[in-house]
């Protein structure tokens, strides 16, 4: 039976794999046949993800993505042991709910470091000789907050909007190297990070936010389906796009 989402034999690196969207993406693409390289800062939680994967040939790499300049050399070491990468998913990210008056330059720097600089470092590293296969797919994770405004999230929105611009620019730059670059922009997803942010709202605020998601809040699996689509043959003619996965939030 034809399965256009089949990823059998492909090696795909997933950052942020210790929880949330990254963990669920790793689980899904392992079910689709991929060999997964898990990346995160927490070794114990990476081991938990590793146990959830189907098939074999998977590995876990503890790494701090805030060391952006080290990423290209680190990717060379990974590909030397795992083989050339067919795809890369940058799901790692941080969020800081800070009203403008409480926003500090340090908080902005932390957001940009993980959400943007790491994405650039990963893309740069992925392009290196022998790190990737002759063609490849990069999927970055943005947010609907990078597309529409939301109070208290100015710096986070700026970092996620940067991912959208980065996606489009890299898609143009890397097309000649047969590398597709796309991103997904999720709405509110009930991951650990999402629940933490929802917990800061009053019951009334939470209900109002959920009502704006016409299909309700999403799950990590909802977003992972979109990521798998962009990695697979199903998206062979798609690059430079933003796939919004938000339960209808931006339809307003």
C-alpha atoms as a PDB file:
ATOM      1  CA  UNK A   1       0.000   0.000   0.000  1.00  0.00           C
ATOM      2  CA  UNK A   2       1.306   3.437  -0.941  1.00  0.00           C
ATOM      3  CA  UNK A   3       2.259   5.654   1.977  1.00  0.00           C
ATOM      4  CA  UNK A   4       3.480   9.060   0.763  1.00  0.00           C
ATOM      5  CA  UNK A   5       4.548   9.885   4.324  1.00  0.00           C
ATOM      6  CA  UNK A   6       6.931   6.928   4.461  1.00  0.00           C
ATOM      7  CA  UNK A   7      10.307   7.939   5.914  1.00  0.00           C
ATOM      8  CA  UNK A   8      11.913   4.509   5.930  1.00  0.00           C
ATOM      9  CA  UNK A   9      15.701   4.602   5.888  1.00  0.00           C
ATOM     10  CA  UNK A  10      15.893   8.345   6.444  1.00  0.00           C
ATOM     11  CA  UNK A  11      17.925   9.838   9.275  1.00  0.00           C
ATOM     12  CA  UNK A  12      16.296  12.903  10.813  1.00  0.00           C
ATOM     13  CA  UNK A  13      17.575  15.083  13.644  1.00  0.00           C
ATOM     14  CA  UNK A  14      14.992  16.584  16.015  1.00  0.00           C
ATOM     15  CA  UNK A  15      15.858  19.279  18.553  1.00  0.00           C
ATOM     16  CA  UNK A  16      13.746  19.834  21.646  1.00  0.00           C
ATOM     17  CA  UNK A  17      13.113  16.095  21.666  1.00  0.00           C
ATOM     18  CA  UNK A  18      12.914  15.762  25.444  1.00  0.00           C
ATOM     19  CA  UNK A  19       9.317  17.017  25.584  1.00  0.00           C
ATOM     20  CA  UNK A  20       6.357  18.532  23.781  1.00  0.00           C
ATOM     21  CA  UNK A  21       6.251  18.920  20.021  1.00  0.00           C
ATOM     22  CA  UNK A  22       9.821  17.681  19.606  1.00  0.00           C
ATOM     23  CA  UNK A  23       9.150  14.464  21.510  1.00  0.00           C
ATOM     24  CA  UNK A  24       5.906  13.782  19.646  1.00  0.00           C
ATOM     25  CA  UNK A  25       7.536  14.519  16.293  1.00  0.00           C
ATOM     26  CA  UNK A  26      10.299  12.046  17.082  1.00  0.00           C
ATOM     27  CA  UNK A  27       7.712   9.410  18.019  1.00  0.00           C
ATOM     28  CA  UNK A  28       5.704   9.940  14.836  1.00  0.00           C
ATOM     29  CA  UNK A  29       8.593   9.903  12.391  1.00  0.00           C
ATOM     30  CA  UNK A  30       9.965   6.753  14.051  1.00  0.00           C
ATOM     31  CA  UNK A  31       6.565   5.159  13.379  1.00  0.00           C
ATOM     32  CA  UNK A  32       6.973   6.264   9.764  1.00  0.00           C
ATOM     33  CA  UNK A  33      10.292   4.419   9.544  1.00  0.00           C
ATOM     34  CA  UNK A  34      12.878   7.150  10.188  1.00  0.00           C
ATOM     35  CA  UNK A  35      16.050   6.770  12.205  1.00  0.00           C
ATOM     36  CA  UNK A  36      15.873   9.631  14.694  1.00  0.00           C
ATOM     37  CA  UNK A  37      18.677  11.614  16.305  1.00  0.00           C
ATOM     38  CA  UNK A  38      17.195  13.140  19.463  1.00  0.00           C
ATOM     39  CA  UNK A  39      18.650  16.403  20.732  1.00  0.00           C
ATOM     40  CA  UNK A  40      18.016  18.115  24.059  1.00  0.00           C
ATOM     41  CA  UNK A  41      19.663  19.415  27.216  1.00  0.00           C
ATOM     42  CA  UNK A  42      18.184  16.911  29.679  1.00  0.00           C
ATOM     43  CA  UNK A  43      19.839  13.502  29.314  1.00  0.00           C
ATOM     44  CA  UNK A  44      17.267  11.710  31.462  1.00  0.00           C
ATOM     45  CA  UNK A  45      14.297  13.049  29.505  1.00  0.00           C
ATOM     46  CA  UNK A  46      16.002  12.255  26.200  1.00  0.00           C
ATOM     47  CA  UNK A  47      16.338   8.664  27.414  1.00  0.00           C
ATOM     48  CA  UNK A  48      12.595   8.664  28.121  1.00  0.00           C
ATOM     49  CA  UNK A  49      11.893   9.787  24.558  1.00  0.00           C
ATOM     50  CA  UNK A  50      14.279   7.188  23.184  1.00  0.00           C
ATOM     51  CA  UNK A  51      12.262   4.436  24.897  1.00  0.00           C
ATOM     52  CA  UNK A  52       9.094   5.694  23.189  1.00  0.00           C
ATOM     53  CA  UNK A  53      10.455   5.344  19.657  1.00  0.00           C
ATOM     54  CA  UNK A  54       9.563   2.497  17.338  1.00  0.00           C
ATOM     55  CA  UNK A  55      12.140   0.629  15.285  1.00  0.00           C
ATOM     56  CA  UNK A  56      15.885   0.803  15.747  1.00  0.00           C
ATOM     57  CA  UNK A  57      18.896   2.887  14.742  1.00  0.00           C
ATOM     58  CA  UNK A  58      17.923   5.825  16.967  1.00  0.00           C
ATOM     59  CA  UNK A  59      20.296   7.847  19.141  1.00  0.00           C
ATOM     60  CA  UNK A  60      20.238  10.677  21.672  1.00  0.00           C
ATOM     61  CA  UNK A  61      22.586  13.656  21.838  1.00  0.00           C
ATOM     62  CA  UNK A  62      22.780  15.975  24.836  1.00  0.00           C
ATOM     63  CA  UNK A  63      23.656  19.456  23.583  1.00  0.00           C
ATOM     64  CA  UNK A  64      23.070  23.082  24.562  1.00  0.00           C
ATOM     65  CA  UNK A  65      21.898  24.908  21.444  1.00  0.00           C
ATOM     66  CA  UNK A  66      22.736  28.288  22.959  1.00  0.00           C
ATOM     67  CA  UNK A  67      26.310  27.540  21.823  1.00  0.00           C
ATOM     68  CA  UNK A  68      25.325  28.432  18.261  1.00  0.00           C
ATOM     69  CA  UNK A  69      28.874  28.739  16.912  1.00  0.00           C
ATOM     70  CA  UNK A  70      29.586  25.158  17.993  1.00  0.00           C
ATOM     71  CA  UNK A  71      26.617  23.681  16.111  1.00  0.00           C
ATOM     72  CA  UNK A  72      28.265  23.140  12.680  1.00  0.00           C
ATOM     73  CA  UNK A  73      31.231  21.234  14.178  1.00  0.00           C
ATOM     74  CA  UNK A  74      28.864  19.264  16.399  1.00  0.00           C
ATOM     75  CA  UNK A  75      26.695  18.275  13.406  1.00  0.00           C
ATOM     76  CA  UNK A  76      29.788  16.999  11.614  1.00  0.00           C
ATOM     77  CA  UNK A  77      30.489  14.697  14.551  1.00  0.00           C
ATOM     78  CA  UNK A  78      26.897  13.462  14.596  1.00  0.00           C
ATOM     79  CA  UNK A  79      26.768  12.702  10.875  1.00  0.00           C
ATOM     80  CA  UNK A  80      30.088  10.869  11.136  1.00  0.00           C
ATOM     81  CA  UNK A  81      28.437   8.374  13.487  1.00  0.00           C
ATOM     82  CA  UNK A  82      24.799   8.391  12.335  1.00  0.00           C
ATOM     83  CA  UNK A  83      25.369   8.887   8.619  1.00  0.00           C
ATOM     84  CA  UNK A  84      24.280  11.863   6.492  1.00  0.00           C
ATOM     85  CA  UNK A  85      21.039  13.525   7.568  1.00  0.00           C
ATOM     86  CA  UNK A  86      17.981  13.557   5.323  1.00  0.00           C
ATOM     87  CA  UNK A  87      16.111  16.066   7.458  1.00  0.00           C
ATOM     88  CA  UNK A  88      16.299  18.389  10.421  1.00  0.00           C
ATOM     89  CA  UNK A  89      13.540  19.644  12.717  1.00  0.00           C
ATOM     90  CA  UNK A  90      14.230  22.575  15.048  1.00  0.00           C
ATOM     91  CA  UNK A  91      11.541  22.287  17.703  1.00  0.00           C
ATOM     92  CA  UNK A  92      13.590  23.492  20.667  1.00  0.00           C
ATOM     93  CA  UNK A  93      12.496  26.885  21.890  1.00  0.00           C
ATOM     94  CA  UNK A  94      11.715  28.973  24.918  1.00  0.00           C
ATOM     95  CA  UNK A  95       8.873  31.363  25.715  1.00  0.00           C
ATOM     96  CA  UNK A  96       8.840  34.243  28.173  1.00  0.00           C
ATOM     97  CA  UNK A  97       5.607  35.994  29.098  1.00  0.00           C
ATOM     98  CA  UNK A  98       6.814  39.527  29.860  1.00  0.00           C
ATOM     99  CA  UNK A  99       4.843  42.785  29.596  1.00  0.00           C
ATOM    100  CA  UNK A 100       6.836  45.460  27.808  1.00  0.00           C
ATOM    101  CA  UNK A 101       7.556  47.353  31.019  1.00  0.00           C
ATOM    102  CA  UNK A 102       9.077  44.229  32.576  1.00  0.00           C
ATOM    103  CA  UNK A 103      11.060  43.144  29.516  1.00  0.00           C
ATOM    104  CA  UNK A 104      14.847  43.086  29.899  1.00  0.00           C
ATOM    105  CA  UNK A 105      17.591  42.861  27.299  1.00  0.00           C
ATOM    106  CA  UNK A 106      18.750  39.635  28.938  1.00  0.00           C
ATOM    107  CA  UNK A 107      15.337  38.022  28.387  1.00  0.00           C
ATOM    108  CA  UNK A 108      15.377  39.140  24.743  1.00  0.00           C
ATOM    109  CA  UNK A 109      18.892  37.767  24.248  1.00  0.00           C
ATOM    110  CA  UNK A 110      17.859  34.372  25.687  1.00  0.00           C
ATOM    111  CA  UNK A 111      14.870  34.160  23.347  1.00  0.00           C
ATOM    112  CA  UNK A 112      16.873  35.117  20.277  1.00  0.00           C
ATOM    113  CA  UNK A 113      19.699  32.737  21.190  1.00  0.00           C
ATOM    114  CA  UNK A 114      17.582  29.570  21.229  1.00  0.00           C
ATOM    115  CA  UNK A 115      14.729  30.498  18.929  1.00  0.00           C
ATOM    116  CA  UNK A 116      16.715  32.225  16.165  1.00  0.00           C
ATOM    117  CA  UNK A 117      20.500  31.883  16.455  1.00  0.00           C
ATOM    118  CA  UNK A 118      20.252  28.130  16.993  1.00  0.00           C
ATOM    119  CA  UNK A 119      18.070  27.836  13.883  1.00  0.00           C
ATOM    120  CA  UNK A 120      20.710  29.654  11.850  1.00  0.00           C
ATOM    121  CA  UNK A 121      23.474  27.477  13.284  1.00  0.00           C
ATOM    122  CA  UNK A 122      21.554  24.306  12.522  1.00  0.00           C
ATOM    123  CA  UNK A 123      20.837  25.370   8.943  1.00  0.00           C
ATOM    124  CA  UNK A 124      24.478  26.329   8.426  1.00  0.00           C
ATOM    125  CA  UNK A 125      25.643  23.025   9.859  1.00  0.00           C
ATOM    126  CA  UNK A 126      23.144  21.015   7.820  1.00  0.00           C
ATOM    127  CA  UNK A 127      24.528  22.476   4.571  1.00  0.00           C
ATOM    128  CA  UNK A 128      28.035  21.161   5.178  1.00  0.00           C
ATOM    129  CA  UNK A 129      29.558  18.513   2.960  1.00  0.00           C
ATOM    130  CA  UNK A 130      28.863  14.968   4.189  1.00  0.00           C
ATOM    131  CA  UNK A 131      26.486  16.203   6.906  1.00  0.00           C
ATOM    132  CA  UNK A 132      23.417  15.807   4.706  1.00  0.00           C
ATOM    133  CA  UNK A 133      22.279  13.691   1.790  1.00  0.00           C
ATOM    134  CA  UNK A 134      22.213  15.195  -1.751  1.00  0.00           C
ATOM    135  CA  UNK A 135      18.759  16.613  -0.988  1.00  0.00           C
ATOM    136  CA  UNK A 136      17.201  17.435   2.345  1.00  0.00           C
ATOM    137  CA  UNK A 137      14.427  19.102   4.290  1.00  0.00           C
ATOM    138  CA  UNK A 138      14.652  21.594   7.150  1.00  0.00           C
ATOM    139  CA  UNK A 139      11.539  22.266   9.229  1.00  0.00           C
ATOM    140  CA  UNK A 140      11.563  25.092  11.755  1.00  0.00           C
ATOM    141  CA  UNK A 141       8.915  25.704  14.420  1.00  0.00           C
ATOM    142  CA  UNK A 142       7.521  29.218  14.566  1.00  0.00           C
ATOM    143  CA  UNK A 143       4.241  30.239  16.239  1.00  0.00           C
ATOM    144  CA  UNK A 144       1.009  32.022  15.382  1.00  0.00           C
ATOM    145  CA  UNK A 145       2.301  34.708  17.752  1.00  0.00           C
ATOM    146  CA  UNK A 146       4.850  35.441  15.032  1.00  0.00           C
ATOM    147  CA  UNK A 147       1.945  36.205  12.680  1.00  0.00           C
ATOM    148  CA  UNK A 148      -0.550  38.017  14.912  1.00  0.00           C
ATOM    149  CA  UNK A 149      -0.137  40.202  17.967  1.00  0.00           C
ATOM    150  CA  UNK A 150      -0.557  39.097  21.557  1.00  0.00           C
ATOM    151  CA  UNK A 151      -0.003  41.179  24.681  1.00  0.00           C
ATOM    152  CA  UNK A 152       2.915  40.257  26.920  1.00  0.00           C
ATOM    153  CA  UNK A 153       4.768  38.342  24.228  1.00  0.00           C
ATOM    154  CA  UNK A 154       6.535  41.061  22.243  1.00  0.00           C
ATOM    155  CA  UNK A 155      10.022  39.534  22.432  1.00  0.00           C
ATOM    156  CA  UNK A 156       8.770  35.982  21.854  1.00  0.00           C
ATOM    157  CA  UNK A 157       6.684  37.194  18.902  1.00  0.00           C
ATOM    158  CA  UNK A 158       9.734  38.938  17.451  1.00  0.00           C
ATOM    159  CA  UNK A 159      11.776  35.729  17.676  1.00  0.00           C
ATOM    160  CA  UNK A 160       9.050  33.648  16.035  1.00  0.00           C
ATOM    161  CA  UNK A 161       8.441  36.246  13.338  1.00  0.00           C
ATOM    162  CA  UNK A 162      12.175  36.058  12.653  1.00  0.00           C
ATOM    163  CA  UNK A 163      11.766  32.329  12.006  1.00  0.00           C
ATOM    164  CA  UNK A 164       9.229  33.105   9.279  1.00  0.00           C
ATOM    165  CA  UNK A 165      11.635  35.500   7.550  1.00  0.00           C
ATOM    166  CA  UNK A 166      14.500  33.077   8.046  1.00  0.00           C
ATOM    167  CA  UNK A 167      12.482  30.266   6.469  1.00  0.00           C
ATOM    168  CA  UNK A 168      11.741  32.248   3.333  1.00  0.00           C
ATOM    169  CA  UNK A 169      15.260  33.599   2.910  1.00  0.00           C
ATOM    170  CA  UNK A 170      16.899  30.215   3.422  1.00  0.00           C
ATOM    171  CA  UNK A 171      14.437  28.556   1.042  1.00  0.00           C
ATOM    172  CA  UNK A 172      15.617  30.899  -1.716  1.00  0.00           C
ATOM    173  CA  UNK A 173      19.283  30.574  -0.803  1.00  0.00           C
ATOM    174  CA  UNK A 174      19.355  26.789  -0.444  1.00  0.00           C
ATOM    175  CA  UNK A 175      17.064  25.728  -3.293  1.00  0.00           C
ATOM    176  CA  UNK A 176      20.085  25.359  -5.569  1.00  0.00           C
ATOM    177  CA  UNK A 177      21.486  22.826  -3.091  1.00  0.00           C
ATOM    178  CA  UNK A 178      18.234  20.836  -3.196  1.00  0.00           C
ATOM    179  CA  UNK A 179      17.381  21.720   0.404  1.00  0.00           C
ATOM    180  CA  UNK A 180      13.781  22.611   1.167  1.00  0.00           C
ATOM    181  CA  UNK A 181      13.124  24.938   4.113  1.00  0.00           C
ATOM    182  CA  UNK A 182       9.675  25.348   5.667  1.00  0.00           C
ATOM    183  CA  UNK A 183       8.176  26.122   9.039  1.00  0.00           C
ATOM    184  CA  UNK A 184       5.044  25.363  11.016  1.00  0.00           C
ATOM    185  CA  UNK A 185       3.233  27.977  13.097  1.00  0.00           C
ATOM    186  CA  UNK A 186       1.232  26.296  15.867  1.00  0.00           C
ATOM    187  CA  UNK A 187      -1.465  27.888  17.970  1.00  0.00           C
ATOM    188  CA  UNK A 188      -1.812  27.006  21.652  1.00  0.00           C
ATOM    189  CA  UNK A 189      -0.842  23.387  22.172  1.00  0.00           C
ATOM    190  CA  UNK A 190      -1.338  21.527  25.456  1.00  0.00           C
ATOM    191  CA  UNK A 191       2.286  20.543  25.933  1.00  0.00           C
ATOM    192  CA  UNK A 192       4.052  21.079  29.259  1.00  0.00           C
ATOM    193  CA  UNK A 193       5.216  24.495  28.082  1.00  0.00           C
ATOM    194  CA  UNK A 194       1.730  25.349  26.846  1.00  0.00           C
ATOM    195  CA  UNK A 195       0.107  24.273  30.098  1.00  0.00           C
ATOM    196  CA  UNK A 196       2.593  26.372  32.040  1.00  0.00           C
ATOM    197  CA  UNK A 197       1.630  29.463  30.072  1.00  0.00           C
ATOM    198  CA  UNK A 198      -2.079  28.708  30.366  1.00  0.00           C
ATOM    199  CA  UNK A 199      -1.636  28.354  34.113  1.00  0.00           C
ATOM    200  CA  UNK A 200      -0.662  32.018  34.268  1.00  0.00           C
ATOM    201  CA  UNK A 201      -4.078  33.059  32.962  1.00  0.00           C
ATOM    202  CA  UNK A 202      -7.283  33.530  34.883  1.00  0.00           C
ATOM    203  CA  UNK A 203     -10.082  31.002  34.119  1.00  0.00           C
ATOM    204  CA  UNK A 204     -11.842  33.734  32.144  1.00  0.00           C
ATOM    205  CA  UNK A 205      -8.737  34.536  30.095  1.00  0.00           C
ATOM    206  CA  UNK A 206      -8.123  30.850  29.376  1.00  0.00           C
ATOM    207  CA  UNK A 207     -11.726  30.325  28.249  1.00  0.00           C
ATOM    208  CA  UNK A 208     -11.553  33.352  25.966  1.00  0.00           C
ATOM    209  CA  UNK A 209      -8.278  32.147  24.422  1.00  0.00           C
ATOM    210  CA  UNK A 210      -9.637  28.655  23.851  1.00  0.00           C
ATOM    211  CA  UNK A 211     -12.766  30.100  22.230  1.00  0.00           C
ATOM    212  CA  UNK A 212     -10.550  31.872  19.697  1.00  0.00           C
ATOM    213  CA  UNK A 213      -9.239  28.442  18.646  1.00  0.00           C
ATOM    214  CA  UNK A 214     -12.293  27.359  16.667  1.00  0.00           C
ATOM    215  CA  UNK A 215     -11.369  23.681  17.031  1.00  0.00           C
ATOM    216  CA  UNK A 216     -10.117  24.055  20.608  1.00  0.00           C
ATOM    217  CA  UNK A 217      -6.531  23.835  21.798  1.00  0.00           C
ATOM    218  CA  UNK A 218      -4.279  21.460  19.874  1.00  0.00           C
ATOM    219  CA  UNK A 219      -2.012  18.606  20.861  1.00  0.00           C
ATOM    220  CA  UNK A 220       1.632  17.951  20.086  1.00  0.00           C
ATOM    221  CA  UNK A 221       0.528  15.178  17.725  1.00  0.00           C
ATOM    222  CA  UNK A 222      -1.484  17.679  15.650  1.00  0.00           C
ATOM    223  CA  UNK A 223       1.685  19.689  15.001  1.00  0.00           C
ATOM    224  CA  UNK A 224       3.859  16.624  14.446  1.00  0.00           C
ATOM    225  CA  UNK A 225       1.589  15.502  11.586  1.00  0.00           C
ATOM    226  CA  UNK A 226       2.311  18.797   9.811  1.00  0.00           C
ATOM    227  CA  UNK A 227       6.050  18.457  10.415  1.00  0.00           C
ATOM    228  CA  UNK A 228       6.070  14.904   9.039  1.00  0.00           C
ATOM    229  CA  UNK A 229       4.203  16.128   5.952  1.00  0.00           C
ATOM    230  CA  UNK A 230       6.900  18.754   5.321  1.00  0.00           C
ATOM    231  CA  UNK A 231       9.698  16.223   5.797  1.00  0.00           C
ATOM    232  CA  UNK A 232       8.234  13.584   3.511  1.00  0.00           C
ATOM    233  CA  UNK A 233       7.727  13.183  -0.234  1.00  0.00           C
ATOM    234  CA  UNK A 234       4.318  14.809   0.221  1.00  0.00           C
ATOM    235  CA  UNK A 235       6.058  18.204   0.355  1.00  0.00           C
ATOM    236  CA  UNK A 236       8.611  17.622  -2.402  1.00  0.00           C
ATOM    237  CA  UNK A 237       7.306  20.724  -4.251  1.00  0.00           C
ATOM    238  CA  UNK A 238       6.958  22.943  -1.182  1.00  0.00           C
ATOM    239  CA  UNK A 239       9.605  25.302   0.142  1.00  0.00           C
ATOM    240  CA  UNK A 240       9.624  28.694   1.820  1.00  0.00           C
ATOM    241  CA  UNK A 241       6.153  28.260   3.248  1.00  0.00           C
ATOM    242  CA  UNK A 242       4.566  28.722   6.663  1.00  0.00           C
ATOM    243  CA  UNK A 243       2.112  25.958   7.507  1.00  0.00           C
ATOM    244  CA  UNK A 244      -0.295  27.312  10.124  1.00  0.00           C
ATOM    245  CA  UNK A 245      -1.593  24.648  12.526  1.00  0.00           C
ATOM    246  CA  UNK A 246      -3.765  26.575  14.934  1.00  0.00           C
ATOM    247  CA  UNK A 247      -7.296  25.177  15.139  1.00  0.00           C
ATOM    248  CA  UNK A 248      -8.618  28.252  13.353  1.00  0.00           C
ATOM    249  CA  UNK A 249      -7.069  30.876  15.642  1.00  0.00           C
ATOM    250  CA  UNK A 250      -5.813  33.086  12.799  1.00  0.00           C
ATOM    251  CA  UNK A 251      -9.087  32.780  10.862  1.00  0.00           C
ATOM    252  CA  UNK A 252     -10.529  35.663  12.906  1.00  0.00           C
END
